[in-house]
Amino acid sequence: MSGVHKNPTISFRISEREREEIEAKIIVCGLNKKDYFVRSCIYNHVCVVGKKELIYKLVRELRMMMEMLQEVTKQFEQSEVFLSKDGLEDMRLEYLNLLKAMIWMLDGAKYLWQDNKENVPTKE
């Protein structure tokens, strides 16, 4: 069928200078554009500067995850699991992805709490 794609498309606008930089990196890597973007988005180091709103959103997500896991734990303890195998697997993947993303983000900001004198800004 024309116009129907199996996978979703991600698109965004960039400046001409950004496009040239990205294309240069793609050429140097020897990857096709799709592979470069996917690998760059998934594996690239990103430094996150947390804002209050972001922290509150993460706390909300973790609370919802905790409540759902507590509910599923109760169901397992009572041998009355209401989730199907597919539903349980979907929940597992969703939470795994969320936790991986949070760990990735925190890894980018670990310099904020590491006890390494090299990473601590000095006041002059």
N, C-alpha and C. Protein backbone atom coordinates (compact mmCIF):
# COMPACT_ATOMS: atom_id res chain seq x y z
N MET A 1 0.84 -1.18 0.00
CA MET A 1 0.00 0.00 0.00
C MET A 1 0.88 1.24 0.00
N SER A 2 0.56 2.17 -0.84
CA SER A 2 1.34 3.39 -0.95
C SER A 2 1.13 4.29 0.26
N GLY A 3 2.20 4.87 0.78
CA GLY A 3 2.09 5.81 1.90
C GLY A 3 2.02 5.15 3.26
N VAL A 4 2.08 3.83 3.32
CA VAL A 4 2.02 3.13 4.60
C VAL A 4 3.42 2.63 4.94
N HIS A 5 3.90 3.01 6.12
CA HIS A 5 5.21 2.60 6.57
C HIS A 5 5.08 1.65 7.74
N LYS A 6 5.99 0.71 7.83
CA LYS A 6 5.96 -0.25 8.93
C LYS A 6 6.40 0.39 10.23
N ASN A 7 7.37 1.32 10.16
CA ASN A 7 7.92 1.94 11.35
C ASN A 7 7.67 3.44 11.33
N PRO A 8 7.55 4.05 12.51
CA PRO A 8 7.32 5.50 12.55
C PRO A 8 8.53 6.28 12.05
N THR A 9 8.28 7.50 11.61
CA THR A 9 9.32 8.39 11.11
C THR A 9 9.57 9.48 12.13
N ILE A 10 10.84 9.83 12.33
CA ILE A 10 11.22 10.94 13.20
C ILE A 10 11.83 12.00 12.30
N SER A 11 11.38 13.24 12.43
CA SER A 11 11.95 14.31 11.62
C SER A 11 12.10 15.56 12.47
N PHE A 12 13.04 16.42 12.06
CA PHE A 12 13.27 17.67 12.76
C PHE A 12 14.00 18.61 11.82
N ARG A 13 13.97 19.88 12.14
CA ARG A 13 14.63 20.89 11.32
C ARG A 13 15.96 21.28 11.96
N ILE A 14 16.95 21.48 11.10
CA ILE A 14 18.27 21.90 11.56
C ILE A 14 18.77 23.02 10.66
N SER A 15 19.77 23.73 11.14
CA SER A 15 20.37 24.79 10.33
C SER A 15 21.27 24.17 9.27
N GLU A 16 21.65 24.97 8.30
CA GLU A 16 22.54 24.50 7.24
C GLU A 16 23.89 24.08 7.83
N ARG A 17 24.40 24.85 8.78
CA ARG A 17 25.68 24.53 9.41
C ARG A 17 25.58 23.20 10.15
N GLU A 18 24.49 22.97 10.89
CA GLU A 18 24.31 21.71 11.61
C GLU A 18 24.22 20.53 10.63
N ARG A 19 23.52 20.73 9.51
CA ARG A 19 23.39 19.68 8.50
C ARG A 19 24.76 19.31 7.96
N GLU A 20 25.58 20.32 7.65
CA GLU A 20 26.91 20.07 7.10
C GLU A 20 27.78 19.31 8.11
N GLU A 21 27.70 19.69 9.38
CA GLU A 21 28.48 18.98 10.42
C GLU A 21 28.03 17.53 10.55
N ILE A 22 26.74 17.33 10.55
CA ILE A 22 26.20 15.97 10.68
C ILE A 22 26.61 15.12 9.48
N GLU A 23 26.46 15.67 8.29
CA GLU A 23 26.81 14.91 7.09
C GLU A 23 28.31 14.59 7.04
N ALA A 24 29.15 15.50 7.53
CA ALA A 24 30.58 15.24 7.58
C ALA A 24 30.86 14.06 8.52
N LYS A 25 30.20 14.04 9.67
CA LYS A 25 30.39 12.93 10.62
C LYS A 25 29.90 11.62 10.03
N ILE A 26 28.80 11.67 9.28
CA ILE A 26 28.27 10.45 8.65
C ILE A 26 29.29 9.90 7.65
N ILE A 27 29.88 10.78 6.85
CA ILE A 27 30.87 10.35 5.87
C ILE A 27 32.07 9.73 6.57
N VAL A 28 32.55 10.39 7.63
CA VAL A 28 33.71 9.88 8.36
C VAL A 28 33.43 8.52 8.98
N CYS A 29 32.22 8.33 9.50
CA CYS A 29 31.86 7.07 10.15
C CYS A 29 31.68 5.93 9.16
N GLY A 30 31.31 6.26 7.93
CA GLY A 30 31.07 5.22 6.94
C GLY A 30 29.74 4.52 7.12
N LEU A 31 28.84 5.13 7.89
CA LEU A 31 27.51 4.55 8.09
C LEU A 31 26.51 5.21 7.16
N ASN A 32 25.37 4.55 6.94
CA ASN A 32 24.32 5.25 6.23
C ASN A 32 23.63 6.18 7.24
N LYS A 33 22.86 7.15 6.75
CA LYS A 33 22.28 8.17 7.63
C LYS A 33 21.42 7.57 8.73
N LYS A 34 20.58 6.62 8.36
CA LYS A 34 19.68 6.02 9.35
C LYS A 34 20.48 5.40 10.49
N ASP A 35 21.49 4.60 10.16
CA ASP A 35 22.28 3.96 11.20
C ASP A 35 23.02 4.98 12.06
N TYR A 36 23.53 6.03 11.41
CA TYR A 36 24.24 7.07 12.17
C TYR A 36 23.30 7.73 13.17
N PHE A 37 22.10 8.12 12.71
CA PHE A 37 21.16 8.80 13.61
C PHE A 37 20.72 7.88 14.74
N VAL A 38 20.42 6.64 14.42
CA VAL A 38 19.96 5.72 15.46
C VAL A 38 21.06 5.51 16.49
N ARG A 39 22.27 5.21 16.03
CA ARG A 39 23.38 4.98 16.97
C ARG A 39 23.71 6.24 17.76
N SER A 40 23.67 7.37 17.09
CA SER A 40 23.97 8.63 17.76
C SER A 40 22.94 8.92 18.85
N CYS A 41 21.69 8.72 18.54
CA CYS A 41 20.63 8.99 19.52
C CYS A 41 20.68 8.01 20.69
N ILE A 42 20.98 6.77 20.43
CA ILE A 42 20.95 5.77 21.48
C ILE A 42 22.23 5.75 22.30
N TYR A 43 23.38 5.87 21.67
CA TYR A 43 24.64 5.63 22.36
C TYR A 43 25.47 6.88 22.65
N ASN A 44 25.10 8.02 22.11
CA ASN A 44 25.92 9.21 22.28
C ASN A 44 25.80 9.76 23.70
N HIS A 45 26.87 10.34 24.18
CA HIS A 45 26.89 10.95 25.51
C HIS A 45 26.14 12.28 25.47
N VAL A 46 25.21 12.45 26.36
CA VAL A 46 24.45 13.69 26.44
C VAL A 46 24.53 14.19 27.87
N CYS A 47 24.91 15.44 28.03
CA CYS A 47 24.96 16.04 29.35
C CYS A 47 23.63 16.73 29.62
N VAL A 48 23.01 16.40 30.71
CA VAL A 48 21.70 16.94 31.03
C VAL A 48 21.83 17.90 32.20
N VAL A 49 21.25 19.06 32.03
CA VAL A 49 21.18 20.01 33.12
C VAL A 49 19.73 19.99 33.58
N GLY A 50 19.53 19.43 34.76
CA GLY A 50 18.18 19.23 35.25
C GLY A 50 17.47 20.52 35.63
N LYS A 51 16.22 20.57 35.26
CA LYS A 51 15.36 21.66 35.70
C LYS A 51 14.35 21.06 36.66
N LYS A 52 13.79 21.92 37.47
CA LYS A 52 12.82 21.47 38.46
C LYS A 52 11.68 20.69 37.79
N GLU A 53 11.22 21.16 36.64
CA GLU A 53 10.11 20.51 35.94
C GLU A 53 10.48 19.10 35.51
N LEU A 54 11.73 18.92 35.04
CA LEU A 54 12.18 17.61 34.61
C LEU A 54 12.23 16.65 35.79
N ILE A 55 12.79 17.12 36.89
CA ILE A 55 12.89 16.28 38.08
C ILE A 55 11.50 15.86 38.56
N TYR A 56 10.55 16.80 38.60
CA TYR A 56 9.19 16.47 39.02
C TYR A 56 8.57 15.44 38.08
N LYS A 57 8.81 15.57 36.78
CA LYS A 57 8.27 14.62 35.81
C LYS A 57 8.86 13.23 36.06
N LEU A 58 10.16 13.16 36.30
CA LEU A 58 10.79 11.87 36.56
C LEU A 58 10.27 11.25 37.86
N VAL A 59 10.08 12.07 38.88
CA VAL A 59 9.54 11.57 40.15
C VAL A 59 8.12 11.02 39.93
N ARG A 60 7.31 11.74 39.15
CA ARG A 60 5.95 11.26 38.85
C ARG A 60 6.00 9.91 38.13
N GLU A 61 6.89 9.80 37.14
CA GLU A 61 7.01 8.55 36.40
C GLU A 61 7.44 7.40 37.33
N LEU A 62 8.40 7.68 38.20
CA LEU A 62 8.86 6.65 39.13
C LEU A 62 7.78 6.26 40.12
N ARG A 63 7.00 7.23 40.59
CA ARG A 63 5.89 6.92 41.50
C ARG A 63 4.86 6.03 40.82
N MET A 64 4.52 6.37 39.57
CA MET A 64 3.55 5.55 38.83
C MET A 64 4.09 4.14 38.63
N MET A 65 5.38 4.04 38.32
CA MET A 65 6.00 2.74 38.14
C MET A 65 5.96 1.96 39.46
N MET A 66 6.29 2.62 40.55
CA MET A 66 6.29 1.97 41.86
C MET A 66 4.89 1.45 42.20
N GLU A 67 3.87 2.27 41.99
CA GLU A 67 2.50 1.86 42.29
C GLU A 67 2.08 0.66 41.46
N MET A 68 2.43 0.69 40.17
CA MET A 68 2.07 -0.44 39.30
C MET A 68 2.82 -1.70 39.72
N LEU A 69 4.08 -1.57 40.04
CA LEU A 69 4.86 -2.75 40.48
C LEU A 69 4.34 -3.29 41.81
N GLN A 70 3.92 -2.40 42.71
CA GLN A 70 3.34 -2.86 43.96
C GLN A 70 2.05 -3.64 43.71
N GLU A 71 1.24 -3.13 42.77
CA GLU A 71 -0.02 -3.81 42.44
C GLU A 71 0.25 -5.18 41.83
N VAL A 72 1.19 -5.25 40.91
CA VAL A 72 1.52 -6.53 40.28
C VAL A 72 2.12 -7.49 41.32
N THR A 73 2.92 -6.98 42.24
CA THR A 73 3.48 -7.81 43.30
C THR A 73 2.37 -8.42 44.15
N LYS A 74 1.38 -7.61 44.50
CA LYS A 74 0.24 -8.13 45.27
C LYS A 74 -0.47 -9.24 44.50
N GLN A 75 -0.65 -9.01 43.21
CA GLN A 75 -1.31 -10.03 42.38
C GLN A 75 -0.51 -11.33 42.37
N PHE A 76 0.80 -11.23 42.24
CA PHE A 76 1.64 -12.43 42.25
C PHE A 76 1.57 -13.13 43.61
N GLU A 77 1.58 -12.35 44.68
CA GLU A 77 1.50 -12.94 46.02
C GLU A 77 0.18 -13.67 46.23
N GLN A 78 -0.89 -13.16 45.64
CA GLN A 78 -2.20 -13.77 45.79
C GLN A 78 -2.51 -14.77 44.68
N SER A 79 -1.54 -14.98 43.79
CA SER A 79 -1.72 -15.88 42.64
C SER A 79 -2.92 -15.49 41.79
N GLU A 80 -3.20 -14.22 41.70
CA GLU A 80 -4.32 -13.71 40.89
C GLU A 80 -3.80 -12.62 39.95
N VAL A 81 -2.99 -13.00 39.00
CA VAL A 81 -2.41 -12.03 38.07
C VAL A 81 -3.44 -11.71 37.00
N PHE A 82 -3.78 -10.44 36.88
CA PHE A 82 -4.79 -10.01 35.91
C PHE A 82 -4.17 -9.58 34.58
N LEU A 83 -2.86 -9.43 34.56
CA LEU A 83 -2.18 -9.08 33.32
C LEU A 83 -1.95 -10.33 32.47
N SER A 84 -2.15 -10.19 31.19
CA SER A 84 -1.81 -11.29 30.29
C SER A 84 -0.30 -11.36 30.16
N LYS A 85 0.20 -12.44 29.57
CA LYS A 85 1.64 -12.55 29.35
C LYS A 85 2.12 -11.39 28.47
N ASP A 86 1.33 -11.05 27.45
CA ASP A 86 1.71 -9.94 26.58
C ASP A 86 1.69 -8.61 27.34
N GLY A 87 0.69 -8.43 28.19
CA GLY A 87 0.60 -7.20 28.98
C GLY A 87 1.77 -7.08 29.95
N LEU A 88 2.14 -8.18 30.55
CA LEU A 88 3.27 -8.19 31.47
C LEU A 88 4.58 -7.90 30.73
N GLU A 89 4.72 -8.47 29.55
CA GLU A 89 5.92 -8.23 28.74
C GLU A 89 5.97 -6.77 28.28
N ASP A 90 4.82 -6.21 27.88
CA ASP A 90 4.77 -4.79 27.49
C ASP A 90 5.18 -3.89 28.65
N MET A 91 4.68 -4.21 29.84
CA MET A 91 5.02 -3.42 31.03
C MET A 91 6.51 -3.54 31.33
N ARG A 92 7.04 -4.75 31.23
CA ARG A 92 8.47 -4.97 31.48
C ARG A 92 9.31 -4.14 30.52
N LEU A 93 8.99 -4.16 29.24
CA LEU A 93 9.75 -3.40 28.25
C LEU A 93 9.63 -1.90 28.47
N GLU A 94 8.42 -1.44 28.78
CA GLU A 94 8.21 0.00 29.03
C GLU A 94 9.05 0.48 30.21
N TYR A 95 9.02 -0.27 31.31
CA TYR A 95 9.78 0.12 32.49
C TYR A 95 11.28 -0.02 32.29
N LEU A 96 11.67 -1.06 31.56
CA LEU A 96 13.09 -1.24 31.26
C LEU A 96 13.61 -0.06 30.44
N ASN A 97 12.86 0.35 29.44
CA ASN A 97 13.26 1.50 28.62
C ASN A 97 13.32 2.78 29.43
N LEU A 98 12.33 2.98 30.29
CA LEU A 98 12.32 4.18 31.13
C LEU A 98 13.51 4.18 32.08
N LEU A 99 13.79 3.05 32.71
CA LEU A 99 14.92 2.98 33.64
C LEU A 99 16.26 3.16 32.91
N LYS A 100 16.40 2.57 31.74
CA LYS A 100 17.63 2.76 30.96
C LYS A 100 17.82 4.23 30.60
N ALA A 101 16.74 4.89 30.20
CA ALA A 101 16.83 6.30 29.84
C ALA A 101 17.21 7.15 31.05
N MET A 102 16.66 6.84 32.21
CA MET A 102 17.00 7.60 33.42
C MET A 102 18.45 7.37 33.82
N ILE A 103 18.91 6.13 33.72
CA ILE A 103 20.31 5.83 34.05
C ILE A 103 21.23 6.55 33.08
N TRP A 104 20.88 6.55 31.81
CA TRP A 104 21.66 7.25 30.78
C TRP A 104 21.74 8.74 31.10
N MET A 105 20.61 9.33 31.46
CA MET A 105 20.58 10.74 31.78
C MET A 105 21.43 11.04 33.02
N LEU A 106 21.27 10.22 34.05
CA LEU A 106 22.03 10.43 35.27
C LEU A 106 23.53 10.22 35.04
N ASP A 107 23.88 9.30 34.16
CA ASP A 107 25.29 9.09 33.84
C ASP A 107 25.89 10.35 33.21
N GLY A 108 25.10 11.05 32.41
CA GLY A 108 25.57 12.29 31.80
C GLY A 108 25.75 13.41 32.81
N ALA A 109 25.12 13.30 33.95
CA ALA A 109 25.21 14.34 34.98
C ALA A 109 25.98 13.89 36.21
N LYS A 110 26.64 12.74 36.13
CA LYS A 110 27.29 12.20 37.32
C LYS A 110 28.42 13.08 37.83
N TYR A 111 28.94 13.93 36.97
CA TYR A 111 29.99 14.84 37.42
C TYR A 111 29.51 15.74 38.55
N LEU A 112 28.21 15.89 38.68
CA LEU A 112 27.65 16.76 39.71
C LEU A 112 27.84 16.20 41.11
N TRP A 113 27.93 14.88 41.24
CA TRP A 113 28.06 14.30 42.58
C TRP A 113 29.29 13.43 42.75
N GLN A 114 30.07 13.21 41.72
CA GLN A 114 31.28 12.41 41.87
C GLN A 114 32.28 13.13 42.76
N ASP A 115 33.00 12.37 43.51
CA ASP A 115 33.98 12.94 44.43
C ASP A 115 35.35 13.01 43.75
N ASN A 116 35.36 13.61 42.58
CA ASN A 116 36.58 13.71 41.79
C ASN A 116 36.93 15.18 41.66
N LYS A 117 38.07 15.57 42.17
CA LYS A 117 38.47 16.98 42.17
C LYS A 117 38.61 17.55 40.76
N GLU A 118 38.92 16.68 39.76
CA GLU A 118 39.06 17.17 38.39
C GLU A 118 37.74 17.70 37.85
N ASN A 119 36.62 17.11 38.25
CA ASN A 119 35.32 17.46 37.69
C ASN A 119 34.60 18.56 38.45
N VAL A 120 35.17 18.99 39.58
CA VAL A 120 34.49 20.00 40.39
C VAL A 120 34.97 21.39 39.97
N PRO A 121 34.04 22.24 39.53
CA PRO A 121 34.44 23.59 39.15
C PRO A 121 35.01 24.34 40.36
N THR A 122 36.03 25.13 40.12
CA THR A 122 36.64 25.90 41.21
C THR A 122 36.14 27.32 41.14
N LYS A 123 36.02 27.95 42.31
CA LYS A 123 35.64 29.36 42.39
C LYS A 123 36.92 30.17 42.43
N GLU A 124 37.02 31.13 41.53
CA GLU A 124 38.22 31.96 41.50
C GLU A 124 37.83 33.41 41.67
